[in-house]
N, C-alpha and C. Protein backbone atom coordinates (compact mmCIF):
# COMPACT_ATOMS: atom_id res chain seq x y z
N MET A 1 133.37 108.63 146.86
CA MET A 1 132.79 107.80 145.84
C MET A 1 131.56 107.07 146.36
N LYS A 2 131.56 106.69 147.68
CA LYS A 2 130.41 105.98 148.20
C LYS A 2 129.16 106.87 148.21
N TYR A 3 129.35 108.18 148.18
CA TYR A 3 128.21 109.08 148.18
C TYR A 3 127.58 109.23 146.80
N ALA A 4 128.29 108.90 145.77
CA ALA A 4 127.75 108.98 144.41
C ALA A 4 126.54 108.07 144.26
N PHE A 5 126.58 106.90 144.90
CA PHE A 5 125.43 106.00 144.85
C PHE A 5 124.23 106.63 145.53
N LEU A 6 124.45 107.31 146.64
CA LEU A 6 123.34 107.94 147.37
C LEU A 6 122.70 109.04 146.54
N LEU A 7 123.49 109.75 145.77
CA LEU A 7 122.93 110.80 144.91
C LEU A 7 122.13 110.19 143.76
N ALA A 8 122.58 109.07 143.24
CA ALA A 8 121.90 108.42 142.12
C ALA A 8 120.68 107.66 142.57
N ALA A 9 120.64 107.19 143.81
CA ALA A 9 119.53 106.36 144.29
C ALA A 9 118.17 107.04 144.15
N PRO A 10 118.03 108.32 144.52
CA PRO A 10 116.72 108.95 144.36
C PRO A 10 116.27 108.99 142.89
N LEU A 11 117.22 109.11 141.97
CA LEU A 11 116.85 109.12 140.55
C LEU A 11 116.29 107.76 140.14
N VAL A 12 116.90 106.69 140.62
CA VAL A 12 116.42 105.35 140.30
C VAL A 12 115.02 105.16 140.87
N VAL A 13 114.82 105.57 142.12
CA VAL A 13 113.51 105.44 142.75
C VAL A 13 112.48 106.26 141.99
N MET A 14 112.85 107.46 141.60
CA MET A 14 111.92 108.31 140.85
C MET A 14 111.57 107.69 139.51
N ALA A 15 112.54 107.10 138.84
CA ALA A 15 112.28 106.48 137.54
C ALA A 15 111.35 105.30 137.68
N ALA A 16 111.41 104.59 138.79
CA ALA A 16 110.57 103.40 138.98
C ALA A 16 109.21 103.76 139.55
N ALA A 17 109.07 104.97 140.09
CA ALA A 17 107.80 105.36 140.70
C ALA A 17 106.72 105.51 139.64
N PRO A 18 105.47 105.31 140.02
CA PRO A 18 104.38 105.48 139.06
C PRO A 18 104.34 106.91 138.53
N LEU A 19 103.90 107.04 137.29
CA LEU A 19 103.78 108.37 136.69
C LEU A 19 102.59 109.09 137.28
N PRO A 20 102.64 110.41 137.36
CA PRO A 20 101.45 111.15 137.76
C PRO A 20 100.32 110.87 136.75
N ALA A 21 99.09 111.05 137.20
CA ALA A 21 97.92 110.71 136.38
C ALA A 21 97.97 111.39 135.01
N ASP A 22 98.36 112.66 134.94
CA ASP A 22 98.41 113.36 133.65
C ASP A 22 99.41 112.71 132.70
N ALA A 23 100.57 112.33 133.23
CA ALA A 23 101.60 111.70 132.40
C ALA A 23 101.13 110.33 131.93
N GLN A 24 100.42 109.58 132.82
CA GLN A 24 99.90 108.27 132.42
C GLN A 24 98.89 108.43 131.29
N ARG A 25 98.01 109.41 131.39
CA ARG A 25 97.01 109.65 130.33
C ARG A 25 97.69 110.02 129.02
N ALA A 26 98.73 110.85 129.09
CA ALA A 26 99.44 111.27 127.88
C ALA A 26 100.11 110.08 127.20
N ARG A 27 100.70 109.19 127.99
CA ARG A 27 101.37 108.02 127.41
C ARG A 27 100.35 107.05 126.81
N ALA A 28 99.14 107.00 127.35
CA ALA A 28 98.12 106.07 126.88
C ALA A 28 97.32 106.63 125.70
N ALA A 29 97.49 107.90 125.37
CA ALA A 29 96.69 108.54 124.31
C ALA A 29 96.78 107.82 122.97
N PRO A 30 97.98 107.43 122.49
CA PRO A 30 98.03 106.73 121.20
C PRO A 30 97.24 105.42 121.21
N ALA A 31 97.29 104.68 122.31
CA ALA A 31 96.54 103.42 122.39
C ALA A 31 95.05 103.69 122.37
N ARG A 32 94.62 104.75 123.07
CA ARG A 32 93.18 105.08 123.07
C ARG A 32 92.74 105.50 121.67
N ALA A 33 93.58 106.25 120.97
CA ALA A 33 93.22 106.68 119.61
C ALA A 33 93.08 105.48 118.69
N ALA A 34 93.99 104.52 118.80
CA ALA A 34 93.90 103.31 117.97
C ALA A 34 92.67 102.51 118.31
N ALA A 35 92.30 102.47 119.58
CA ALA A 35 91.12 101.72 120.00
C ALA A 35 89.85 102.36 119.47
N LYS A 36 89.85 103.69 119.30
CA LYS A 36 88.67 104.38 118.78
C LYS A 36 88.47 104.13 117.29
N ARG A 37 89.57 103.83 116.58
CA ARG A 37 89.47 103.57 115.16
C ARG A 37 88.66 102.29 114.98
N ALA A 38 87.76 102.31 114.02
CA ALA A 38 86.95 101.13 113.77
C ALA A 38 87.85 99.95 113.41
N PRO A 39 87.53 98.75 113.88
CA PRO A 39 88.40 97.61 113.62
C PRO A 39 88.57 97.29 112.14
N TYR A 40 87.63 97.70 111.32
CA TYR A 40 87.73 97.43 109.88
C TYR A 40 88.66 98.40 109.18
N GLU A 41 88.93 99.53 109.79
CA GLU A 41 89.75 100.54 109.14
C GLU A 41 91.22 100.19 109.22
N GLY A 42 91.94 100.44 108.14
CA GLY A 42 93.37 100.18 108.13
C GLY A 42 93.85 99.82 106.74
N VAL A 43 95.07 99.32 106.68
CA VAL A 43 95.65 98.85 105.42
C VAL A 43 95.78 97.34 105.53
N TRP A 44 95.33 96.63 104.49
CA TRP A 44 95.27 95.18 104.49
C TRP A 44 95.94 94.64 103.23
N ARG A 45 96.54 93.46 103.33
CA ARG A 45 97.19 92.84 102.17
C ARG A 45 96.55 91.48 101.91
N ASN A 46 96.54 91.09 100.64
CA ASN A 46 96.05 89.75 100.31
C ASN A 46 97.12 88.73 100.66
N ASN A 47 96.80 87.44 100.54
CA ASN A 47 97.73 86.39 100.98
C ASN A 47 99.10 86.46 100.31
N ARG A 48 99.13 86.78 99.04
CA ARG A 48 100.41 86.83 98.30
C ARG A 48 101.05 88.21 98.34
N ASP A 49 100.41 89.15 99.00
CA ASP A 49 100.87 90.53 99.09
C ASP A 49 101.07 91.17 97.72
N THR A 50 100.18 90.83 96.79
CA THR A 50 100.22 91.45 95.47
C THR A 50 99.33 92.69 95.42
N VAL A 51 98.42 92.80 96.39
CA VAL A 51 97.53 93.96 96.47
C VAL A 51 97.37 94.35 97.93
N ARG A 52 97.39 95.66 98.17
CA ARG A 52 97.08 96.21 99.48
C ARG A 52 95.94 97.21 99.31
N ILE A 53 95.00 97.14 100.24
CA ILE A 53 93.88 98.08 100.20
C ILE A 53 93.81 98.84 101.52
N GLU A 54 93.31 100.05 101.43
CA GLU A 54 93.04 100.83 102.63
C GLU A 54 91.54 100.89 102.79
N THR A 55 91.06 100.46 103.95
CA THR A 55 89.63 100.53 104.23
C THR A 55 89.38 101.67 105.19
N ARG A 56 88.26 102.35 104.99
CA ARG A 56 87.89 103.48 105.84
C ARG A 56 86.40 103.70 105.75
N ARG A 57 85.89 104.39 106.75
CA ARG A 57 84.48 104.77 106.72
C ARG A 57 84.31 105.86 105.67
N CYS A 58 83.20 105.80 104.95
CA CYS A 58 82.89 106.84 103.98
C CYS A 58 81.36 106.95 103.92
N GLY A 59 80.88 108.16 103.94
CA GLY A 59 79.43 108.33 103.98
C GLY A 59 78.88 107.55 105.16
N ARG A 60 77.91 106.68 104.89
CA ARG A 60 77.33 105.86 105.95
C ARG A 60 77.81 104.41 105.86
N GLY A 61 78.91 104.19 105.11
CA GLY A 61 79.37 102.82 104.92
C GLY A 61 80.86 102.66 105.02
N LEU A 62 81.35 101.61 104.36
CA LEU A 62 82.76 101.26 104.36
C LEU A 62 83.27 101.28 102.93
N CYS A 63 84.44 101.89 102.72
CA CYS A 63 85.05 101.95 101.40
C CYS A 63 86.42 101.32 101.43
N GLY A 64 86.88 100.85 100.27
CA GLY A 64 88.21 100.26 100.18
C GLY A 64 88.84 100.60 98.84
N ARG A 65 90.07 101.11 98.90
CA ARG A 65 90.79 101.56 97.71
C ARG A 65 92.16 100.89 97.68
N VAL A 66 92.61 100.52 96.50
CA VAL A 66 93.93 99.92 96.33
C VAL A 66 94.99 100.99 96.55
N VAL A 67 95.94 100.70 97.45
CA VAL A 67 97.04 101.63 97.72
C VAL A 67 98.37 101.09 97.24
N ARG A 68 98.44 99.80 96.92
CA ARG A 68 99.66 99.21 96.36
C ARG A 68 99.28 97.96 95.58
N SER A 69 99.92 97.79 94.43
CA SER A 69 99.68 96.58 93.64
C SER A 69 100.97 96.19 92.92
N SER A 70 101.12 94.90 92.71
CA SER A 70 102.30 94.40 92.01
C SER A 70 102.04 94.45 90.50
N ALA A 71 103.11 94.31 89.74
CA ALA A 71 102.97 94.25 88.28
C ALA A 71 102.10 93.06 87.88
N GLU A 72 102.24 91.96 88.60
CA GLU A 72 101.44 90.76 88.33
C GLU A 72 99.94 91.04 88.51
N ALA A 73 99.58 91.73 89.58
CA ALA A 73 98.18 92.06 89.83
C ALA A 73 97.66 93.05 88.79
N ASP A 74 98.48 94.03 88.43
CA ASP A 74 98.07 95.00 87.41
C ASP A 74 97.84 94.30 86.07
N GLU A 75 98.72 93.37 85.73
CA GLU A 75 98.58 92.64 84.48
C GLU A 75 97.31 91.79 84.45
N ALA A 76 97.01 91.12 85.57
CA ALA A 76 95.81 90.29 85.64
C ALA A 76 94.55 91.14 85.50
N ALA A 77 94.60 92.37 86.02
CA ALA A 77 93.44 93.27 85.93
C ALA A 77 93.38 93.98 84.60
N GLY A 78 94.49 94.00 83.87
CA GLY A 78 94.52 94.70 82.59
C GLY A 78 94.70 96.20 82.73
N ASP A 79 95.05 96.65 83.91
CA ASP A 79 95.23 98.08 84.16
C ASP A 79 95.96 98.26 85.49
N ARG A 80 96.48 99.45 85.70
CA ARG A 80 97.12 99.76 86.98
C ARG A 80 96.03 99.88 88.04
N LEU A 81 96.22 99.18 89.16
CA LEU A 81 95.18 99.10 90.18
C LEU A 81 95.23 100.20 91.24
N VAL A 82 96.40 100.78 91.49
CA VAL A 82 96.50 101.77 92.56
C VAL A 82 95.50 102.89 92.31
N GLY A 83 94.73 103.19 93.33
CA GLY A 83 93.69 104.22 93.23
C GLY A 83 92.32 103.67 92.91
N THR A 84 92.25 102.41 92.50
CA THR A 84 90.96 101.79 92.17
C THR A 84 90.17 101.54 93.44
N GLU A 85 88.93 101.97 93.44
CA GLU A 85 88.06 101.70 94.58
C GLU A 85 87.39 100.35 94.37
N LEU A 86 87.70 99.40 95.24
CA LEU A 86 87.16 98.05 95.11
C LEU A 86 85.75 97.96 95.68
N PHE A 87 85.46 98.76 96.69
CA PHE A 87 84.09 98.80 97.21
C PHE A 87 83.83 100.18 97.78
N HIS A 88 82.55 100.57 97.73
CA HIS A 88 82.15 101.91 98.13
C HIS A 88 80.85 101.82 98.93
N GLU A 89 80.90 102.37 100.12
CA GLU A 89 79.74 102.44 101.00
C GLU A 89 79.04 101.09 101.20
N LEU A 90 79.84 100.08 101.54
CA LEU A 90 79.23 98.81 101.94
C LEU A 90 78.40 99.08 103.19
N GLU A 91 77.29 98.39 103.32
CA GLU A 91 76.39 98.61 104.45
C GLU A 91 76.61 97.55 105.51
N ARG A 92 76.58 97.97 106.75
CA ARG A 92 76.80 97.06 107.87
C ARG A 92 75.52 96.27 108.15
N GLY A 93 75.67 94.96 108.23
CA GLY A 93 74.55 94.09 108.54
C GLY A 93 74.39 93.90 110.03
N ASP A 94 73.27 93.31 110.43
CA ASP A 94 73.01 93.05 111.84
C ASP A 94 74.04 92.09 112.44
N ASP A 95 74.67 91.29 111.60
CA ASP A 95 75.68 90.32 112.07
C ASP A 95 77.07 90.94 112.20
N GLY A 96 77.22 92.24 111.88
CA GLY A 96 78.51 92.92 112.01
C GLY A 96 79.33 92.93 110.73
N ALA A 97 78.95 92.12 109.75
CA ALA A 97 79.67 92.11 108.46
C ALA A 97 79.18 93.27 107.61
N TRP A 98 79.93 93.57 106.54
CA TRP A 98 79.58 94.64 105.60
C TRP A 98 79.17 94.02 104.28
N TYR A 99 78.11 94.56 103.66
CA TYR A 99 77.53 93.98 102.45
C TYR A 99 77.37 95.01 101.35
N GLY A 100 77.53 94.57 100.09
CA GLY A 100 77.32 95.45 98.95
C GLY A 100 78.04 94.92 97.73
N SER A 101 78.25 95.81 96.77
CA SER A 101 78.93 95.45 95.52
C SER A 101 80.43 95.61 95.67
N VAL A 102 81.16 94.61 95.17
CA VAL A 102 82.61 94.60 95.25
C VAL A 102 83.16 94.39 93.84
N LEU A 103 84.11 95.24 93.44
CA LEU A 103 84.74 95.11 92.14
C LEU A 103 85.79 94.01 92.19
N VAL A 104 85.74 93.09 91.22
CA VAL A 104 86.76 92.06 91.07
C VAL A 104 87.55 92.44 89.82
N PRO A 105 88.70 93.11 90.00
CA PRO A 105 89.43 93.68 88.85
C PRO A 105 89.81 92.66 87.78
N ASP A 106 90.25 91.45 88.16
CA ASP A 106 90.67 90.51 87.13
C ASP A 106 89.50 89.93 86.36
N LEU A 107 88.26 90.11 86.86
CA LEU A 107 87.07 89.73 86.08
C LEU A 107 86.47 90.94 85.38
N GLY A 108 86.87 92.13 85.83
CA GLY A 108 86.35 93.35 85.23
C GLY A 108 84.88 93.58 85.51
N ARG A 109 84.41 93.10 86.67
CA ARG A 109 82.99 93.30 86.99
C ARG A 109 82.77 93.36 88.49
N GLU A 110 81.61 93.85 88.86
CA GLU A 110 81.23 93.90 90.26
C GLU A 110 80.37 92.69 90.60
N VAL A 111 80.53 92.21 91.82
CA VAL A 111 79.72 91.10 92.33
C VAL A 111 79.17 91.51 93.69
N GLU A 112 78.09 90.87 94.10
CA GLU A 112 77.58 91.09 95.45
C GLU A 112 78.50 90.35 96.41
N GLY A 113 78.91 91.03 97.45
CA GLY A 113 79.86 90.42 98.36
C GLY A 113 79.71 90.92 99.77
N SER A 114 80.57 90.38 100.62
CA SER A 114 80.58 90.79 102.02
C SER A 114 82.01 90.77 102.54
N ILE A 115 82.20 91.53 103.61
CA ILE A 115 83.47 91.55 104.31
C ILE A 115 83.16 91.39 105.78
N ARG A 116 83.83 90.42 106.40
CA ARG A 116 83.66 90.23 107.84
C ARG A 116 85.04 90.15 108.48
N GLN A 117 85.09 90.51 109.74
CA GLN A 117 86.35 90.45 110.46
C GLN A 117 86.46 89.10 111.15
N ASP A 118 87.61 88.46 110.98
CA ASP A 118 87.89 87.16 111.58
C ASP A 118 89.13 87.32 112.46
N GLY A 119 88.97 88.04 113.55
CA GLY A 119 90.09 88.38 114.43
C GLY A 119 90.50 89.82 114.19
N PRO A 120 91.32 90.37 115.07
CA PRO A 120 91.67 91.79 114.96
C PRO A 120 92.49 92.14 113.73
N ASP A 121 93.20 91.17 113.16
CA ASP A 121 94.10 91.47 112.05
C ASP A 121 93.79 90.67 110.80
N ARG A 122 92.55 90.24 110.67
CA ARG A 122 92.19 89.45 109.48
C ARG A 122 90.77 89.77 109.03
N LEU A 123 90.65 90.06 107.74
CA LEU A 123 89.34 90.24 107.09
C LEU A 123 89.13 89.08 106.13
N VAL A 124 87.88 88.68 105.99
CA VAL A 124 87.52 87.67 105.00
C VAL A 124 86.49 88.31 104.07
N ALA A 125 86.86 88.42 102.80
CA ALA A 125 85.97 88.96 101.78
C ALA A 125 85.40 87.78 101.00
N SER A 126 84.11 87.81 100.73
CA SER A 126 83.52 86.73 99.94
C SER A 126 82.50 87.33 98.98
N GLY A 127 82.32 86.61 97.88
CA GLY A 127 81.37 87.06 96.87
C GLY A 127 81.05 85.94 95.93
N CYS A 128 79.91 86.09 95.24
CA CYS A 128 79.45 85.09 94.28
C CYS A 128 79.15 85.77 92.95
N LEU A 129 79.46 85.06 91.87
CA LEU A 129 79.20 85.61 90.54
C LEU A 129 77.71 85.75 90.27
N PHE A 130 76.94 84.74 90.67
CA PHE A 130 75.52 84.77 90.36
C PHE A 130 74.74 83.86 91.31
N ALA A 131 73.83 84.41 92.06
CA ALA A 131 72.88 83.68 92.89
C ALA A 131 73.48 82.48 93.61
N GLY A 132 74.57 82.68 94.30
CA GLY A 132 75.18 81.62 95.08
C GLY A 132 76.10 80.70 94.29
N PHE A 133 76.36 81.00 93.02
CA PHE A 133 77.26 80.19 92.20
C PHE A 133 78.56 80.94 91.95
N GLY A 134 79.63 80.20 91.78
CA GLY A 134 80.93 80.81 91.53
C GLY A 134 81.41 81.62 92.71
N CYS A 135 81.18 81.11 93.91
CA CYS A 135 81.53 81.85 95.13
C CYS A 135 83.00 81.64 95.49
N LYS A 136 83.59 82.69 96.08
CA LYS A 136 84.99 82.67 96.44
C LYS A 136 85.20 83.49 97.71
N GLU A 137 86.21 83.11 98.49
CA GLU A 137 86.61 83.88 99.67
C GLU A 137 88.07 84.29 99.51
N GLN A 138 88.40 85.43 100.08
CA GLN A 138 89.79 85.88 100.08
C GLN A 138 90.11 86.46 101.45
N ASN A 139 91.24 86.07 101.99
CA ASN A 139 91.69 86.56 103.28
C ASN A 139 92.59 87.77 103.10
N TRP A 140 92.43 88.73 104.00
CA TRP A 140 93.24 89.93 104.02
C TRP A 140 93.83 90.08 105.41
N THR A 141 95.12 90.39 105.49
CA THR A 141 95.82 90.52 106.76
C THR A 141 96.19 91.98 106.97
N ARG A 142 95.98 92.46 108.21
CA ARG A 142 96.28 93.86 108.51
C ARG A 142 97.77 94.14 108.40
N VAL A 143 98.09 95.23 107.71
CA VAL A 143 99.46 95.71 107.60
C VAL A 143 99.66 96.81 108.64
N ARG A 144 98.69 97.68 108.76
CA ARG A 144 98.69 98.75 109.78
C ARG A 144 97.28 99.23 109.99
């Protein structure tokens, strides 16, 4: 019985030993792939989690489409929101934010707006109804 420990000891040492370089690279591949994804890309939810959007690169800009909405959000918009593109080909500014027209479903109109990242898991969308008036911000939190 005392020899059973000696047989198991090399396995323990092997398990604790560093992985060969190829195995280390293989284990790190998912993290590298996530790091290559643009920080703006992903699925985001609003504060009340009544709407979720998926943001992705499209053409030369950034697009965002509703992938989940609550009955409350659909009712406020007057229509089912899933599949609605809230913004299309926003252009990246020198400050790193994205700018362009953004659809506000519950108003039924587009406004000039911007999206900026405020940390790795938070977007801040802002827009104004007219020339700096009626401005609003909305926070979005990364879901995945």
